[in-house]
Amino acid sequence: MISLLTPRPLALLALLALCVACVSEDGTSPERYESAFFQPDDAMASSEWSNSYSVAHTINGSGLPEGFGPADTHADYGGSNHWTTSDGDVEGAWATYSFNGPATMDTLYIWHHRSTMPPAYSDGYAITRFDVEFLDANGEQLLLLEDLAGEPELASAAVYEFEQVEGVRDVQITVRENNGDEQVTGIAEVAFGLTR
């Protein structure tokens, strides 16, 4: 009876190998980055209006219902639920989204800036033209999508499909123009997916 309870070395090694295969170095599951809908782990931006309008609000679900998906409507613009750039940072403004492990994707979801007045001083904050660059862990370009069209009137996610790209660690969105405001621009929420 005691021999049945004693761990067997080969069985333990097999179990350990199985556990190592299902968790990456940082403790995340690789499957997380190969699902139909997932969000980045971190975000940085060229500028931010203030902490209340930080780029972190584009990856935390603020302004969306719990368990949200692409069809869900984003709340109107308000503090702590959108990213808004600092004054004068429009053309060339960027947001970079990072993953703790290599991601595979073929879809980008963007909830465009709602530019609700007030607190916005104009309804022209939303991005209307932008580029998206996908980078590997070494910063090498994997894919570049240029001159994509924003959908500023859409309250749910705008869906951008592209060829499947693997090994993505960073995605940078660079603004070409917004829908009229000369001072600021931004994004409400961002997600990615592997859908095909």
C-alpha atoms as a PDB file:
ATOM      1  CA  MET A   1       0.000   0.000   0.000  1.00  0.00           C
ATOM      2  CA  ILE A   2       2.825   2.391   0.782  1.00  0.00           C
ATOM      3  CA  SER A   3       4.408   1.799  -2.630  1.00  0.00           C
ATOM      4  CA  LEU A   4       1.236   3.098  -4.315  1.00  0.00           C
ATOM      5  CA  LEU A   5       1.553   6.426  -2.487  1.00  0.00           C
ATOM      6  CA  THR A   6       5.253   6.831  -3.154  1.00  0.00           C
ATOM      7  CA  PRO A   7       5.843   9.147  -6.142  1.00  0.00           C
ATOM      8  CA  ARG A   8       7.453   7.483  -9.104  1.00  0.00           C
ATOM      9  CA  PRO A   9      10.355   9.499 -10.545  1.00  0.00           C
ATOM     10  CA  LEU A  10       9.398   8.989 -14.202  1.00  0.00           C
ATOM     11  CA  ALA A  11       5.771   9.923 -13.564  1.00  0.00           C
ATOM     12  CA  LEU A  12       6.857  13.090 -11.764  1.00  0.00           C
ATOM     13  CA  LEU A  13       9.180  14.048 -14.612  1.00  0.00           C
ATOM     14  CA  ALA A  14       6.411  13.534 -17.168  1.00  0.00           C
ATOM     15  CA  LEU A  15       4.013  15.653 -15.121  1.00  0.00           C
ATOM     16  CA  LEU A  16       6.628  18.376 -14.697  1.00  0.00           C
ATOM     17  CA  ALA A  17       7.347  18.409 -18.448  1.00  0.00           C
ATOM     18  CA  LEU A  18       3.624  18.730 -19.147  1.00  0.00           C
ATOM     19  CA  CYS A  19       3.340  21.693 -16.767  1.00  0.00           C
ATOM     20  CA  VAL A  20       6.392  23.420 -18.257  1.00  0.00           C
ATOM     21  CA  ALA A  21       4.972  23.010 -21.768  1.00  0.00           C
ATOM     22  CA  CYS A  22       1.722  24.746 -20.816  1.00  0.00           C
ATOM     23  CA  VAL A  23       3.247  27.802 -19.109  1.00  0.00           C
ATOM     24  CA  SER A  24       5.727  30.273 -20.587  1.00  0.00           C
ATOM     25  CA  GLU A  25       8.718  31.795 -18.775  1.00  0.00           C
ATOM     26  CA  ASP A  26       6.611  34.614 -17.341  1.00  0.00           C
ATOM     27  CA  GLY A  27       3.882  32.287 -16.097  1.00  0.00           C
ATOM     28  CA  THR A  28       1.329  32.970 -18.837  1.00  0.00           C
ATOM     29  CA  SER A  29      -0.371  30.319 -20.911  1.00  0.00           C
ATOM     30  CA  PRO A  30       0.696  30.330 -24.589  1.00  0.00           C
ATOM     31  CA  GLU A  31      -2.915  29.554 -25.550  1.00  0.00           C
ATOM     32  CA  ARG A  32      -3.912  32.954 -24.174  1.00  0.00           C
ATOM     33  CA  TYR A  33      -2.119  34.565 -27.121  1.00  0.00           C
ATOM     34  CA  GLU A  34      -3.721  32.289 -29.719  1.00  0.00           C
ATOM     35  CA  SER A  35      -7.402  32.745 -28.869  1.00  0.00           C
ATOM     36  CA  ALA A  36     -10.173  34.508 -30.778  1.00  0.00           C
ATOM     37  CA  PHE A  37     -10.035  37.511 -28.432  1.00  0.00           C
ATOM     38  CA  PHE A  38      -7.243  38.661 -26.108  1.00  0.00           C
ATOM     39  CA  GLN A  39      -5.680  41.868 -24.824  1.00  0.00           C
ATOM     40  CA  PRO A  40      -2.081  43.007 -24.452  1.00  0.00           C
ATOM     41  CA  ASP A  41      -0.267  42.892 -21.118  1.00  0.00           C
ATOM     42  CA  ASP A  42       1.178  46.400 -21.253  1.00  0.00           C
ATOM     43  CA  ALA A  43       0.842  49.678 -23.145  1.00  0.00           C
ATOM     44  CA  MET A  44       3.017  52.761 -23.707  1.00  0.00           C
ATOM     45  CA  ALA A  45       2.225  55.952 -25.598  1.00  0.00           C
ATOM     46  CA  SER A  46       3.948  58.931 -27.170  1.00  0.00           C
ATOM     47  CA  SER A  47       2.077  61.149 -24.698  1.00  0.00           C
ATOM     48  CA  GLU A  48      -0.912  61.262 -22.343  1.00  0.00           C
ATOM     49  CA  TRP A  49      -3.176  64.163 -21.414  1.00  0.00           C
ATOM     50  CA  SER A  50      -2.967  63.072 -17.748  1.00  0.00           C
ATOM     51  CA  ASN A  51      -3.127  59.902 -15.633  1.00  0.00           C
ATOM     52  CA  SER A  52      -6.910  59.997 -16.029  1.00  0.00           C
ATOM     53  CA  TYR A  53      -6.428  59.653 -19.804  1.00  0.00           C
ATOM     54  CA  SER A  54      -3.581  57.112 -19.741  1.00  0.00           C
ATOM     55  CA  VAL A  55      -2.998  54.565 -22.506  1.00  0.00           C
ATOM     56  CA  ALA A  56      -3.456  51.896 -19.785  1.00  0.00           C
ATOM     57  CA  HIS A  57      -7.209  52.550 -20.102  1.00  0.00           C
ATOM     58  CA  THR A  58      -7.117  51.023 -23.600  1.00  0.00           C
ATOM     59  CA  ILE A  59      -6.279  47.546 -22.273  1.00  0.00           C
ATOM     60  CA  ASN A  60      -8.207  47.322 -19.002  1.00  0.00           C
ATOM     61  CA  GLY A  61     -11.817  47.103 -20.177  1.00  0.00           C
ATOM     62  CA  SER A  62     -12.783  50.447 -18.662  1.00  0.00           C
ATOM     63  CA  GLY A  63     -15.896  51.748 -20.378  1.00  0.00           C
ATOM     64  CA  LEU A  64     -16.971  48.246 -21.425  1.00  0.00           C
ATOM     65  CA  PRO A  65     -19.062  45.560 -19.680  1.00  0.00           C
ATOM     66  CA  GLU A  66     -17.396  42.702 -17.811  1.00  0.00           C
ATOM     67  CA  GLY A  67     -16.445  39.888 -20.195  1.00  0.00           C
ATOM     68  CA  PHE A  68     -16.782  42.246 -23.179  1.00  0.00           C
ATOM     69  CA  GLY A  69     -16.327  41.325 -26.827  1.00  0.00           C
ATOM     70  CA  PRO A  70     -16.126  43.118 -30.192  1.00  0.00           C
ATOM     71  CA  ALA A  71     -19.886  43.738 -30.439  1.00  0.00           C
ATOM     72  CA  ASP A  72     -20.090  45.555 -27.099  1.00  0.00           C
ATOM     73  CA  THR A  73     -20.533  49.323 -27.102  1.00  0.00           C
ATOM     74  CA  HIS A  74     -17.944  51.480 -25.379  1.00  0.00           C
ATOM     75  CA  ALA A  75     -19.093  54.123 -22.894  1.00  0.00           C
ATOM     76  CA  ASP A  76     -18.894  57.800 -23.740  1.00  0.00           C
ATOM     77  CA  TYR A  77     -15.589  59.585 -23.237  1.00  0.00           C
ATOM     78  CA  GLY A  78     -14.735  60.276 -19.627  1.00  0.00           C
ATOM     79  CA  GLY A  79     -11.843  60.188 -17.225  1.00  0.00           C
ATOM     80  CA  SER A  80     -10.245  56.761 -16.757  1.00  0.00           C
ATOM     81  CA  ASN A  81     -11.854  55.059 -19.756  1.00  0.00           C
ATOM     82  CA  HIS A  82      -9.944  56.414 -22.808  1.00  0.00           C
ATOM     83  CA  TRP A  83      -6.415  57.279 -23.866  1.00  0.00           C
ATOM     84  CA  THR A  84      -6.028  60.900 -24.937  1.00  0.00           C
ATOM     85  CA  THR A  85      -2.720  62.395 -26.078  1.00  0.00           C
ATOM     86  CA  SER A  86      -1.209  65.569 -24.715  1.00  0.00           C
ATOM     87  CA  ASP A  87      -1.913  68.891 -26.399  1.00  0.00           C
ATOM     88  CA  GLY A  88      -0.439  69.071 -29.914  1.00  0.00           C
ATOM     89  CA  ASP A  89       0.351  65.336 -30.261  1.00  0.00           C
ATOM     90  CA  VAL A  90      -1.833  64.201 -33.181  1.00  0.00           C
ATOM     91  CA  GLU A  91      -0.006  63.293 -36.394  1.00  0.00           C
ATOM     92  CA  GLY A  92       2.687  60.776 -35.467  1.00  0.00           C
ATOM     93  CA  ALA A  93       1.219  60.036 -32.032  1.00  0.00           C
ATOM     94  CA  TRP A  94       1.625  56.362 -31.173  1.00  0.00           C
ATOM     95  CA  ALA A  95       0.555  53.660 -28.762  1.00  0.00           C
ATOM     96  CA  THR A  96       2.598  50.472 -28.387  1.00  0.00           C
ATOM     97  CA  TYR A  97       0.965  47.318 -27.023  1.00  0.00           C
ATOM     98  CA  SER A  98       3.150  44.538 -25.580  1.00  0.00           C
ATOM     99  CA  PHE A  99       2.670  40.846 -24.845  1.00  0.00           C
ATOM    100  CA  ASN A 100       4.538  38.851 -22.186  1.00  0.00           C
ATOM    101  CA  GLY A 101       4.893  35.962 -24.615  1.00  0.00           C
ATOM    102  CA  PRO A 102       4.839  35.498 -28.400  1.00  0.00           C
ATOM    103  CA  ALA A 103       1.337  36.064 -29.788  1.00  0.00           C
ATOM    104  CA  THR A 104      -0.295  34.782 -32.969  1.00  0.00           C
ATOM    105  CA  MET A 105      -3.010  36.970 -34.464  1.00  0.00           C
ATOM    106  CA  ASP A 106      -4.946  37.870 -37.586  1.00  0.00           C
ATOM    107  CA  THR A 107      -7.414  40.428 -36.219  1.00  0.00           C
ATOM    108  CA  LEU A 108      -7.178  43.825 -34.520  1.00  0.00           C
ATOM    109  CA  TYR A 109     -10.146  45.293 -32.631  1.00  0.00           C
ATOM    110  CA  ILE A 110     -10.231  49.029 -31.910  1.00  0.00           C
ATOM    111  CA  TRP A 111     -12.900  50.940 -30.053  1.00  0.00           C
ATOM    112  CA  HIS A 112     -12.266  54.419 -31.433  1.00  0.00           C
ATOM    113  CA  HIS A 113     -12.261  57.543 -29.276  1.00  0.00           C
ATOM    114  CA  ARG A 114     -15.830  58.604 -28.443  1.00  0.00           C
ATOM    115  CA  SER A 115     -14.971  62.342 -28.199  1.00  0.00           C
ATOM    116  CA  THR A 116     -18.101  63.059 -26.158  1.00  0.00           C
ATOM    117  CA  MET A 117     -18.666  66.745 -25.338  1.00  0.00           C
ATOM    118  CA  PRO A 118     -18.149  67.536 -22.513  1.00  0.00           C
ATOM    119  CA  PRO A 119     -15.501  66.605 -21.322  1.00  0.00           C
ATOM    120  CA  ALA A 120     -14.056  66.749 -24.850  1.00  0.00           C
ATOM    121  CA  TYR A 121     -13.845  70.279 -26.219  1.00  0.00           C
ATOM    122  CA  SER A 122     -14.523  69.001 -29.772  1.00  0.00           C
ATOM    123  CA  ASP A 123     -15.922  65.865 -31.379  1.00  0.00           C
ATOM    124  CA  GLY A 124     -12.813  65.390 -33.514  1.00  0.00           C
ATOM    125  CA  TYR A 125     -10.456  63.325 -31.333  1.00  0.00           C
ATOM    126  CA  ALA A 126     -11.018  59.952 -33.049  1.00  0.00           C
ATOM    127  CA  ILE A 127      -8.348  58.474 -35.317  1.00  0.00           C
ATOM    128  CA  THR A 128      -9.385  58.335 -38.982  1.00  0.00           C
ATOM    129  CA  ARG A 129      -6.117  57.158 -40.622  1.00  0.00           C
ATOM    130  CA  PHE A 130      -3.394  55.088 -38.980  1.00  0.00           C
ATOM    131  CA  ASP A 131      -0.610  52.535 -39.461  1.00  0.00           C
ATOM    132  CA  VAL A 132      -0.056  49.326 -37.481  1.00  0.00           C
ATOM    133  CA  GLU A 133       3.367  47.688 -37.087  1.00  0.00           C
ATOM    134  CA  PHE A 134       3.826  44.183 -35.656  1.00  0.00           C
ATOM    135  CA  LEU A 135       7.225  43.460 -34.069  1.00  0.00           C
ATOM    136  CA  ASP A 136       8.967  40.352 -32.736  1.00  0.00           C
ATOM    137  CA  ALA A 137      10.922  40.052 -29.463  1.00  0.00           C
ATOM    138  CA  ASN A 138      14.016  41.587 -31.139  1.00  0.00           C
ATOM    139  CA  GLY A 139      12.096  44.588 -32.449  1.00  0.00           C
ATOM    140  CA  GLU A 140      12.168  43.256 -36.016  1.00  0.00           C
ATOM    141  CA  GLN A 141       9.158  44.082 -38.163  1.00  0.00           C
ATOM    142  CA  LEU A 142       6.905  41.108 -38.898  1.00  0.00           C
ATOM    143  CA  LEU A 143       4.110  42.983 -40.683  1.00  0.00           C
ATOM    144  CA  LEU A 144       3.198  46.588 -41.502  1.00  0.00           C
ATOM    145  CA  LEU A 145      -0.359  47.699 -42.276  1.00  0.00           C
ATOM    146  CA  GLU A 146      -0.426  51.216 -43.691  1.00  0.00           C
ATOM    147  CA  ASP A 147      -3.081  53.896 -43.998  1.00  0.00           C
ATOM    148  CA  LEU A 148      -5.952  52.014 -42.370  1.00  0.00           C
ATOM    149  CA  ALA A 149      -9.268  53.833 -42.002  1.00  0.00           C
ATOM    150  CA  GLY A 150     -10.685  54.543 -38.567  1.00  0.00           C
ATOM    151  CA  GLU A 151     -14.401  54.394 -37.824  1.00  0.00           C
ATOM    152  CA  PRO A 152     -15.062  57.311 -35.468  1.00  0.00           C
ATOM    153  CA  GLU A 153     -18.861  56.926 -35.493  1.00  0.00           C
ATOM    154  CA  LEU A 154     -18.754  53.257 -34.431  1.00  0.00           C
ATOM    155  CA  ALA A 155     -19.348  52.641 -30.697  1.00  0.00           C
ATOM    156  CA  SER A 156     -18.512  48.912 -30.906  1.00  0.00           C
ATOM    157  CA  ALA A 157     -15.135  47.599 -32.063  1.00  0.00           C
ATOM    158  CA  ALA A 158     -13.897  48.332 -35.553  1.00  0.00           C
ATOM    159  CA  VAL A 159     -12.518  45.035 -36.900  1.00  0.00           C
ATOM    160  CA  TYR A 160      -9.324  44.920 -38.963  1.00  0.00           C
ATOM    161  CA  GLU A 161      -8.381  41.547 -40.469  1.00  0.00           C
ATOM    162  CA  PHE A 162      -4.935  40.768 -41.870  1.00  0.00           C
ATOM    163  CA  GLU A 163      -2.708  37.819 -42.723  1.00  0.00           C
ATOM    164  CA  GLN A 164      -1.856  35.636 -39.737  1.00  0.00           C
ATOM    165  CA  VAL A 165       1.323  36.761 -38.017  1.00  0.00           C
ATOM    166  CA  GLU A 166       3.199  34.712 -35.384  1.00  0.00           C
ATOM    167  CA  GLY A 167       5.736  35.626 -32.721  1.00  0.00           C
ATOM    168  CA  VAL A 168       4.322  39.108 -32.077  1.00  0.00           C
ATOM    169  CA  ARG A 169       5.634  40.803 -28.928  1.00  0.00           C
ATOM    170  CA  ASP A 170       4.722  44.437 -29.687  1.00  0.00           C
ATOM    171  CA  VAL A 171       2.130  46.170 -31.844  1.00  0.00           C
ATOM    172  CA  GLN A 172       2.507  49.881 -32.523  1.00  0.00           C
ATOM    173  CA  ILE A 173      -0.402  51.975 -33.755  1.00  0.00           C
ATOM    174  CA  THR A 174       0.718  55.288 -35.281  1.00  0.00           C
ATOM    175  CA  VAL A 175      -1.763  58.067 -36.009  1.00  0.00           C
ATOM    176  CA  ARG A 176      -1.773  59.724 -39.442  1.00  0.00           C
ATOM    177  CA  GLU A 177      -4.827  61.903 -38.830  1.00  0.00           C
ATOM    178  CA  ASN A 178      -7.937  62.263 -36.716  1.00  0.00           C
ATOM    179  CA  ASN A 179     -11.412  63.508 -37.570  1.00  0.00           C
ATOM    180  CA  GLY A 180     -10.753  67.180 -37.145  1.00  0.00           C
ATOM    181  CA  ASP A 181      -9.267  68.214 -33.811  1.00  0.00           C
ATOM    182  CA  GLU A 182      -5.851  69.823 -34.168  1.00  0.00           C
ATOM    183  CA  GLN A 183      -4.795  69.326 -30.550  1.00  0.00           C
ATOM    184  CA  VAL A 184      -5.420  65.762 -29.322  1.00  0.00           C
ATOM    185  CA  THR A 185      -6.321  62.255 -30.419  1.00  0.00           C
ATOM    186  CA  GLY A 186      -6.640  58.825 -28.796  1.00  0.00           C
ATOM    187  CA  ILE A 187      -8.273  55.407 -28.515  1.00  0.00           C
ATOM    188  CA  ALA A 188     -10.909  53.912 -26.226  1.00  0.00           C
ATOM    189  CA  GLU A 189      -9.918  50.192 -26.155  1.00  0.00           C
ATOM    190  CA  VAL A 190      -7.804  47.677 -28.091  1.00  0.00           C
ATOM    191  CA  ALA A 191      -7.825  43.878 -28.396  1.00  0.00           C
ATOM    192  CA  PHE A 192      -6.468  41.241 -30.758  1.00  0.00           C
ATOM    193  CA  GLY A 193      -7.524  37.817 -31.942  1.00  0.00           C
ATOM    194  CA  LEU A 194      -6.799  34.705 -33.957  1.00  0.00           C
ATOM    195  CA  THR A 195     -10.092  34.138 -35.749  1.00  0.00           C
ATOM    196  CA  ARG A 196      -9.351  32.234 -38.975  1.00  0.00           C
END
